[in-house]
Amino acid sequence: MTMTLDRPRSAVTEATPTVRWHPHQAGIWLAYQGDRFVGMVEELWRRGFTATTGLGRRLGHFSTLHEAKAALEDAVAVE
């Protein structure tokens, strides 16, 4: 005889901590998720911004700080 246990699925979602930004020094912003360092954005004076993950992967060159931060937040979300 086969026994089946039907149990309602709970709506449990894994909550990923949001990325918090901290200005470190002029032109450098550090990103943390919980207590974990996840990356940084660096300003290239008058030439835009670069974003780098906490593992050292460069995400590219961006025109604005907002674009660079968004790219890092997207990269962290898929890691």
PDB file of N, CA and C in Angstrom:
ATOM      1  N   MET A   1       0.835  -1.175   0.000  1.00  0.00           N
ATOM      2  CA  MET A   1       0.000   0.000   0.000  1.00  0.00           C
ATOM      3  C   MET A   1       0.885   1.245   0.000  1.00  0.00           C
ATOM      4  N   THR A   2       0.563   2.196  -0.831  1.00  0.00           N
ATOM      5  CA  THR A   2       1.327   3.426  -0.926  1.00  0.00           C
ATOM      6  C   THR A   2       0.694   4.482  -0.039  1.00  0.00           C
ATOM      7  N   MET A   3       1.524   5.132   0.717  1.00  0.00           N
ATOM      8  CA  MET A   3       1.021   6.178   1.597  1.00  0.00           C
ATOM      9  C   MET A   3       1.526   7.536   1.110  1.00  0.00           C
ATOM     10  N   THR A   4       0.626   8.462   0.990  1.00  0.00           N
ATOM     11  CA  THR A   4       0.980   9.808   0.541  1.00  0.00           C
ATOM     12  C   THR A   4       0.655  10.796   1.647  1.00  0.00           C
ATOM     13  N   LEU A   5       1.600  11.624   1.924  1.00  0.00           N
ATOM     14  CA  LEU A   5       1.375  12.672   2.927  1.00  0.00           C
ATOM     15  C   LEU A   5       1.176  13.996   2.209  1.00  0.00           C
ATOM     16  N   ASP A   6      -0.011  14.491   2.318  1.00  0.00           N
ATOM     17  CA  ASP A   6      -0.289  15.802   1.728  1.00  0.00           C
ATOM     18  C   ASP A   6      -0.146  16.848   2.813  1.00  0.00           C
ATOM     19  N   ARG A   7       0.740  17.747   2.566  1.00  0.00           N
ATOM     20  CA  ARG A   7       0.993  18.802   3.531  1.00  0.00           C
ATOM     21  C   ARG A   7       0.954  20.127   2.792  1.00  0.00           C
ATOM     22  N   PRO A   8       0.219  21.062   3.299  1.00  0.00           N
ATOM     23  CA  PRO A   8       0.179  22.340   2.587  1.00  0.00           C
ATOM     24  C   PRO A   8       1.567  22.975   2.554  1.00  0.00           C
ATOM     25  N   ARG A   9       1.889  23.520   1.415  1.00  0.00           N
ATOM     26  CA  ARG A   9       3.184  24.193   1.275  1.00  0.00           C
ATOM     27  C   ARG A   9       3.095  25.575   1.897  1.00  0.00           C
ATOM     28  N   SER A  10       4.015  25.839   2.737  1.00  0.00           N
ATOM     29  CA  SER A  10       4.019  27.169   3.354  1.00  0.00           C
ATOM     30  C   SER A  10       4.738  28.136   2.416  1.00  0.00           C
ATOM     31  N   ALA A  11       4.360  29.351   2.505  1.00  0.00           N
ATOM     32  CA  ALA A  11       4.960  30.387   1.662  1.00  0.00           C
ATOM     33  C   ALA A  11       6.233  30.884   2.307  1.00  0.00           C
ATOM     34  N   VAL A  12       7.214  30.008   2.385  1.00  0.00           N
ATOM     35  CA  VAL A  12       8.496  30.367   2.977  1.00  0.00           C
ATOM     36  C   VAL A  12       9.413  30.813   1.854  1.00  0.00           C
ATOM     37  N   THR A  13       9.915  31.983   1.991  1.00  0.00           N
ATOM     38  CA  THR A  13      10.876  32.478   1.017  1.00  0.00           C
ATOM     39  C   THR A  13      12.171  32.776   1.744  1.00  0.00           C
ATOM     40  N   GLU A  14      13.254  32.489   1.083  1.00  0.00           N
ATOM     41  CA  GLU A  14      14.556  32.797   1.647  1.00  0.00           C
ATOM     42  C   GLU A  14      14.799  34.290   1.480  1.00  0.00           C
ATOM     43  N   ALA A  15      14.884  34.964   2.571  1.00  0.00           N
ATOM     44  CA  ALA A  15      15.107  36.410   2.510  1.00  0.00           C
ATOM     45  C   ALA A  15      16.601  36.686   2.385  1.00  0.00           C
ATOM     46  N   THR A  16      16.977  37.308   1.309  1.00  0.00           N
ATOM     47  CA  THR A  16      18.360  37.703   1.112  1.00  0.00           C
ATOM     48  C   THR A  16      18.532  39.093   1.706  1.00  0.00           C
ATOM     49  N   PRO A  17      19.499  39.233   2.601  1.00  0.00           N
ATOM     50  CA  PRO A  17      19.698  40.567   3.187  1.00  0.00           C
ATOM     51  C   PRO A  17      19.992  41.592   2.100  1.00  0.00           C
ATOM     52  N   THR A  18      19.479  42.771   2.284  1.00  0.00           N
ATOM     53  CA  THR A  18      19.717  43.823   1.301  1.00  0.00           C
ATOM     54  C   THR A  18      21.170  44.280   1.372  1.00  0.00           C
ATOM     55  N   VAL A  19      21.604  44.867   0.310  1.00  0.00           N
ATOM     56  CA  VAL A  19      22.971  45.402   0.253  1.00  0.00           C
ATOM     57  C   VAL A  19      22.966  46.764   0.921  1.00  0.00           C
ATOM     58  N   ARG A  20      23.866  46.936   1.860  1.00  0.00           N
ATOM     59  CA  ARG A  20      24.031  48.220   2.547  1.00  0.00           C
ATOM     60  C   ARG A  20      25.304  48.872   2.029  1.00  0.00           C
ATOM     61  N   TRP A  21      25.228  50.165   1.780  1.00  0.00           N
ATOM     62  CA  TRP A  21      26.371  50.912   1.242  1.00  0.00           C
ATOM     63  C   TRP A  21      26.979  51.800   2.308  1.00  0.00           C
ATOM     64  N   HIS A  22      28.313  51.800   2.352  1.00  0.00           N
ATOM     65  CA  HIS A  22      29.035  52.650   3.299  1.00  0.00           C
ATOM     66  C   HIS A  22      30.124  53.404   2.551  1.00  0.00           C
ATOM     67  N   PRO A  23      30.095  54.741   2.605  1.00  0.00           N
ATOM     68  CA  PRO A  23      31.211  55.483   2.006  1.00  0.00           C
ATOM     69  C   PRO A  23      32.467  55.206   2.821  1.00  0.00           C
ATOM     70  N   HIS A  24      33.524  54.776   2.156  1.00  0.00           N
ATOM     71  CA  HIS A  24      34.757  54.414   2.856  1.00  0.00           C
ATOM     72  C   HIS A  24      35.715  55.598   2.916  1.00  0.00           C
ATOM     73  N   GLN A  25      35.938  56.193   1.773  1.00  0.00           N
ATOM     74  CA  GLN A  25      36.750  57.403   1.657  1.00  0.00           C
ATOM     75  C   GLN A  25      36.317  58.079   0.374  1.00  0.00           C
ATOM     76  N   ALA A  26      36.882  59.207   0.073  1.00  0.00           N
ATOM     77  CA  ALA A  26      36.454  59.946  -1.125  1.00  0.00           C
ATOM     78  C   ALA A  26      36.540  59.048  -2.357  1.00  0.00           C
ATOM     79  N   GLY A  27      35.398  58.835  -3.006  1.00  0.00           N
ATOM     80  CA  GLY A  27      35.372  58.072  -4.244  1.00  0.00           C
ATOM     81  C   GLY A  27      35.274  56.565  -4.095  1.00  0.00           C
ATOM     82  N   ILE A  28      35.083  56.051  -2.884  1.00  0.00           N
ATOM     83  CA  ILE A  28      34.976  54.600  -2.691  1.00  0.00           C
ATOM     84  C   ILE A  28      33.789  54.289  -1.799  1.00  0.00           C
ATOM     85  N   TRP A  29      32.915  53.387  -2.285  1.00  0.00           N
ATOM     86  CA  TRP A  29      31.761  52.933  -1.522  1.00  0.00           C
ATOM     87  C   TRP A  29      31.874  51.429  -1.345  1.00  0.00           C
ATOM     88  N   LEU A  30      31.731  50.959  -0.117  1.00  0.00           N
ATOM     89  CA  LEU A  30      31.805  49.533   0.183  1.00  0.00           C
ATOM     90  C   LEU A  30      30.402  48.980   0.369  1.00  0.00           C
ATOM     91  N   ALA A  31      30.192  47.760  -0.116  1.00  0.00           N
ATOM     92  CA  ALA A  31      28.884  47.118  -0.041  1.00  0.00           C
ATOM     93  C   ALA A  31      28.949  45.918   0.901  1.00  0.00           C
ATOM     94  N   TYR A  32      27.943  45.822   1.769  1.00  0.00           N
ATOM     95  CA  TYR A  32      27.839  44.709   2.711  1.00  0.00           C
ATOM     96  C   TYR A  32      26.459  44.097   2.613  1.00  0.00           C
ATOM     97  N   GLN A  33      26.406  42.789   2.779  1.00  0.00           N
ATOM     98  CA  GLN A  33      25.148  42.068   2.855  1.00  0.00           C
ATOM     99  C   GLN A  33      25.200  41.327   4.192  1.00  0.00           C
ATOM    100  N   GLY A  34      24.416  41.808   5.142  1.00  0.00           N
ATOM    101  CA  GLY A  34      24.584  41.335   6.506  1.00  0.00           C
ATOM    102  C   GLY A  34      25.933  41.834   6.999  1.00  0.00           C
ATOM    103  N   ASP A  35      26.750  40.926   7.502  1.00  0.00           N
ATOM    104  CA  ASP A  35      28.102  41.289   7.948  1.00  0.00           C
ATOM    105  C   ASP A  35      29.161  40.977   6.901  1.00  0.00           C
ATOM    106  N   ARG A  36      28.751  40.503   5.746  1.00  0.00           N
ATOM    107  CA  ARG A  36      29.683  40.043   4.719  1.00  0.00           C
ATOM    108  C   ARG A  36      29.962  41.142   3.703  1.00  0.00           C
ATOM    109  N   PHE A  37      31.251  41.381   3.449  1.00  0.00           N
ATOM    110  CA  PHE A  37      31.658  42.322   2.402  1.00  0.00           C
ATOM    111  C   PHE A  37      31.353  41.685   1.059  1.00  0.00           C
ATOM    112  N   VAL A  38      30.610  42.397   0.198  1.00  0.00           N
ATOM    113  CA  VAL A  38      30.227  41.817  -1.094  1.00  0.00           C
ATOM    114  C   VAL A  38      30.759  42.588  -2.296  1.00  0.00           C
ATOM    115  N   GLY A  39      31.408  43.721  -2.070  1.00  0.00           N
ATOM    116  CA  GLY A  39      31.972  44.435  -3.201  1.00  0.00           C
ATOM    117  C   GLY A  39      32.185  45.906  -2.937  1.00  0.00           C
ATOM    118  N   MET A  40      32.589  46.594  -4.013  1.00  0.00           N
ATOM    119  CA  MET A  40      32.855  48.025  -3.885  1.00  0.00           C
ATOM    120  C   MET A  40      32.630  48.729  -5.216  1.00  0.00           C
ATOM    121  N   VAL A  41      32.397  50.023  -5.101  1.00  0.00           N
ATOM    122  CA  VAL A  41      32.323  50.898  -6.271  1.00  0.00           C
ATOM    123  C   VAL A  41      33.382  51.975  -6.081  1.00  0.00           C
ATOM    124  N   GLU A  42      34.115  52.224  -7.141  1.00  0.00           N
ATOM    125  CA  GLU A  42      35.172  53.238  -7.094  1.00  0.00           C
ATOM    126  C   GLU A  42      34.924  54.280  -8.176  1.00  0.00           C
ATOM    127  N   GLU A  43      35.075  55.527  -7.798  1.00  0.00           N
ATOM    128  CA  GLU A  43      34.925  56.610  -8.768  1.00  0.00           C
ATOM    129  C   GLU A  43      36.231  56.824  -9.501  1.00  0.00           C
ATOM    130  N   LEU A  44      36.128  56.909 -10.818  1.00  0.00           N
ATOM    131  CA  LEU A  44      37.277  57.262 -11.649  1.00  0.00           C
ATOM    132  C   LEU A  44      37.063  58.718 -12.012  1.00  0.00           C
ATOM    133  N   TRP A  45      37.690  59.592 -11.295  1.00  0.00           N
ATOM    134  CA  TRP A  45      37.416  61.025 -11.374  1.00  0.00           C
ATOM    135  C   TRP A  45      37.203  61.503 -12.794  1.00  0.00           C
ATOM    136  N   ARG A  46      36.006  62.000 -13.024  1.00  0.00           N
ATOM    137  CA  ARG A  46      35.543  62.541 -14.308  1.00  0.00           C
ATOM    138  C   ARG A  46      35.451  61.505 -15.417  1.00  0.00           C
ATOM    139  N   ARG A  47      35.628  60.241 -15.094  1.00  0.00           N
ATOM    140  CA  ARG A  47      35.553  59.206 -16.125  1.00  0.00           C
ATOM    141  C   ARG A  47      34.523  58.133 -15.790  1.00  0.00           C
ATOM    142  N   GLY A  48      33.759  58.303 -14.729  1.00  0.00           N
ATOM    143  CA  GLY A  48      32.734  57.334 -14.386  1.00  0.00           C
ATOM    144  C   GLY A  48      33.073  56.531 -13.134  1.00  0.00           C
ATOM    145  N   PHE A  49      32.569  55.301 -13.086  1.00  0.00           N
ATOM    146  CA  PHE A  49      32.684  54.461 -11.900  1.00  0.00           C
ATOM    147  C   PHE A  49      32.942  53.012 -12.311  1.00  0.00           C
ATOM    148  N   THR A  50      33.638  52.264 -11.462  1.00  0.00           N
ATOM    149  CA  THR A  50      33.802  50.833 -11.670  1.00  0.00           C
ATOM    150  C   THR A  50      33.187  50.101 -10.483  1.00  0.00           C
ATOM    151  N   ALA A  51      32.684  48.914 -10.749  1.00  0.00           N
ATOM    152  CA  ALA A  51      32.124  48.074  -9.696  1.00  0.00           C
ATOM    153  C   ALA A  51      32.896  46.758  -9.686  1.00  0.00           C
ATOM    154  N   THR A  52      33.216  46.289  -8.485  1.00  0.00           N
ATOM    155  CA  THR A  52      33.965  45.052  -8.307  1.00  0.00           C
ATOM    156  C   THR A  52      33.309  44.235  -7.205  1.00  0.00           C
ATOM    157  N   THR A  53      33.130  42.935  -7.436  1.00  0.00           N
ATOM    158  CA  THR A  53      32.525  42.086  -6.415  1.00  0.00           C
ATOM    159  C   THR A  53      33.521  41.824  -5.289  1.00  0.00           C
ATOM    160  N   GLY A  54      33.027  41.267  -4.214  1.00  0.00           N
ATOM    161  CA  GLY A  54      33.885  40.928  -3.080  1.00  0.00           C
ATOM    162  C   GLY A  54      34.909  39.857  -3.418  1.00  0.00           C
ATOM    163  N   LEU A  55      34.692  39.130  -4.509  1.00  0.00           N
ATOM    164  CA  LEU A  55      35.635  38.105  -4.958  1.00  0.00           C
ATOM    165  C   LEU A  55      36.590  38.638  -6.020  1.00  0.00           C
ATOM    166  N   GLY A  56      36.520  39.945  -6.283  1.00  0.00           N
ATOM    167  CA  GLY A  56      37.446  40.584  -7.213  1.00  0.00           C
ATOM    168  C   GLY A  56      37.027  40.588  -8.668  1.00  0.00           C
ATOM    169  N   ARG A  57      35.812  40.194  -8.976  1.00  0.00           N
ATOM    170  CA  ARG A  57      35.342  40.196 -10.363  1.00  0.00           C
ATOM    171  C   ARG A  57      34.893  41.596 -10.741  1.00  0.00           C
ATOM    172  N   ARG A  58      35.510  42.144 -11.778  1.00  0.00           N
ATOM    173  CA  ARG A  58      35.135  43.484 -12.251  1.00  0.00           C
ATOM    174  C   ARG A  58      33.856  43.382 -13.054  1.00  0.00           C
ATOM    175  N   LEU A  59      32.922  44.251 -12.737  1.00  0.00           N
ATOM    176  CA  LEU A  59      31.623  44.219 -13.402  1.00  0.00           C
ATOM    177  C   LEU A  59      31.517  45.217 -14.539  1.00  0.00           C
ATOM    178  N   GLY A  60      32.478  46.117 -14.643  1.00  0.00           N
ATOM    179  CA  GLY A  60      32.459  47.045 -15.758  1.00  0.00           C
ATOM    180  C   GLY A  60      32.630  48.489 -15.357  1.00  0.00           C
ATOM    181  N   HIS A  61      32.500  49.332 -16.368  1.00  0.00           N
ATOM    182  CA  HIS A  61      32.648  50.776 -16.243  1.00  0.00           C
ATOM    183  C   HIS A  61      31.268  51.394 -16.435  1.00  0.00           C
ATOM    184  N   PHE A  62      30.889  52.312 -15.544  1.00  0.00           N
ATOM    185  CA  PHE A  62      29.538  52.876 -15.567  1.00  0.00           C
ATOM    186  C   PHE A  62      29.604  54.398 -15.553  1.00  0.00           C
ATOM    187  N   SER A  63      28.612  55.013 -16.155  1.00  0.00           N
ATOM    188  CA  SER A  63      28.567  56.470 -16.238  1.00  0.00           C
ATOM    189  C   SER A  63      28.185  57.116 -14.912  1.00  0.00           C
ATOM    190  N   THR A  64      27.317  56.442 -14.137  1.00  0.00           N
ATOM    191  CA  THR A  64      26.834  57.044 -12.895  1.00  0.00           C
ATOM    192  C   THR A  64      27.066  56.114 -11.707  1.00  0.00           C
ATOM    193  N   LEU A  65      27.076  56.704 -10.535  1.00  0.00           N
ATOM    194  CA  LEU A  65      27.198  55.939  -9.299  1.00  0.00           C
ATOM    195  C   LEU A  65      26.009  54.995  -9.158  1.00  0.00           C
ATOM    196  N   HIS A  66      24.825  55.469  -9.484  1.00  0.00           N
ATOM    197  CA  HIS A  66      23.617  54.651  -9.380  1.00  0.00           C
ATOM    198  C   HIS A  66      23.725  53.387 -10.241  1.00  0.00           C
ATOM    199  N   GLU A  67      24.210  53.516 -11.472  1.00  0.00           N
ATOM    200  CA  GLU A  67      24.358  52.358 -12.368  1.00  0.00           C
ATOM    201  C   GLU A  67      25.363  51.359 -11.819  1.00  0.00           C
ATOM    202  N   ALA A  68      26.469  51.851 -11.270  1.00  0.00           N
ATOM    203  CA  ALA A  68      27.504  50.974 -10.726  1.00  0.00           C
ATOM    204  C   ALA A  68      26.990  50.213  -9.504  1.00  0.00           C
ATOM    205  N   LYS A  69      26.290  50.914  -8.621  1.00  0.00           N
ATOM    206  CA  LYS A  69      25.734  50.249  -7.444  1.00  0.00           C
ATOM    207  C   LYS A  69      24.688  49.208  -7.842  1.00  0.00           C
ATOM    208  N   ALA A  70      23.848  49.539  -8.805  1.00  0.00           N
ATOM    209  CA  ALA A  70      22.814  48.612  -9.263  1.00  0.00           C
ATOM    210  C   ALA A  70      23.441  47.353  -9.866  1.00  0.00           C
ATOM    211  N   ALA A  71      24.513  47.507 -10.629  1.00  0.00           N
ATOM    212  CA  ALA A  71      25.189  46.354 -11.223  1.00  0.00           C
ATOM    213  C   ALA A  71      25.740  45.427 -10.141  1.00  0.00           C
ATOM    214  N   LEU A  72      26.318  46.005  -9.106  1.00  0.00           N
ATOM    215  CA  LEU A  72      26.849  45.189  -8.021  1.00  0.00           C
ATOM    216  C   LEU A  72      25.725  44.496  -7.259  1.00  0.00           C
ATOM    217  N   GLU A  73      24.644  45.202  -6.992  1.00  0.00           N
ATOM    218  CA  GLU A  73      23.512  44.597  -6.292  1.00  0.00           C
ATOM    219  C   GLU A  73      22.919  43.451  -7.110  1.00  0.00           C
ATOM    220  N   ASP A  74      22.849  43.601  -8.434  1.00  0.00           N
ATOM    221  CA  ASP A  74      22.354  42.527  -9.294  1.00  0.00           C
ATOM    222  C   ASP A  74      23.296  41.324  -9.250  1.00  0.00           C
ATOM    223  N   ALA A  75      24.597  41.567  -9.277  1.00  0.00           N
ATOM    224  CA  ALA A  75      25.586  40.485  -9.248  1.00  0.00           C
ATOM    225  C   ALA A  75      25.513  39.731  -7.921  1.00  0.00           C
ATOM    226  N   VAL A  76      25.317  40.442  -6.839  1.00  0.00           N
ATOM    227  CA  VAL A  76      25.241  39.810  -5.524  1.00  0.00           C
ATOM    228  C   VAL A  76      23.982  38.957  -5.416  1.00  0.00           C
ATOM    229  N   ALA A  77      22.907  39.397  -6.046  1.00  0.00           N
ATOM    230  CA  ALA A  77      21.626  38.676  -5.970  1.00  0.00           C
ATOM    231  C   ALA A  77      21.708  37.297  -6.625  1.00  0.00           C
ATOM    232  N   VAL A  78      22.587  37.110  -7.601  1.00  0.00           N
ATOM    233  CA  VAL A  78      22.683  35.821  -8.298  1.00  0.00           C
ATOM    234  C   VAL A  78      23.805  34.947  -7.773  1.00  0.00           C
ATOM    235  N   GLU A  79      24.630  35.437  -6.890  1.00  0.00           N
ATOM    236  CA  GLU A  79      25.729  34.623  -6.332  1.00  0.00           C
ATOM    237  C   GLU A  79      25.206  33.594  -5.383  1.00  0.00           C
TER     238      GLU A  79
END
